Amino acid sequence: MNPEVPERHAQDVVLRLFVLGRLSAAEVAVLERHVFDCVECIDRLGETARVVAQILNLLLDNAGANKRTELRFRLSDAVFLRSLSPAMPDRWPVQIVDVSKNGLGLLVPTRLSPGGVVQVQSGTTFALGEVRHCREMGEHLFHAGIKLQDVVAVRP
């Protein structure tokens, strides 16, 4: 992908790399300019995110981890969240409230749909996850449980 010249529509491989947080900042900027203004590409991004999450979920399920019995650690860290399925152009600052081996508890400003696919970014680390639950805590404040499916640190 050439960061200087946007393509007519995003290629599937580029959408997969975006979902997994493996594009450079310049590539993300070019992709976002097109994808979030193109009905066809935003739909394809949502579908790509669902497929990638399902594949990663199968890999995790085959590992036999029982997420409900894992020890959770209290944590307070600010990160960014983006909904990939359904695909939304907004990127929200959110608060991590607890972490386990395979999940995150987040305080988010909007209701997230269970089963949705999200990308969480902390610096150059990206995590792909599935929304397991989201409950209202107050006005414009929700507690979301995210099942992590892939985490990658991108070199600057």
Foldseek 3Di string as FASTA:
>chain_A
DDLVDADPADDLVLLLCVLQLNDDPSSVVSNLVPQQVDPVNLVSSQVSLLVVQVVLVVVVVVVVDDVVPFDKDADWDWWWKAWRNNHDSDIFIWIWGIDTPFKTKIKFQDFDDAQTWMWIGDPQKIWIWGWHDWADDDHSIIITMTGTRDMDGYDD
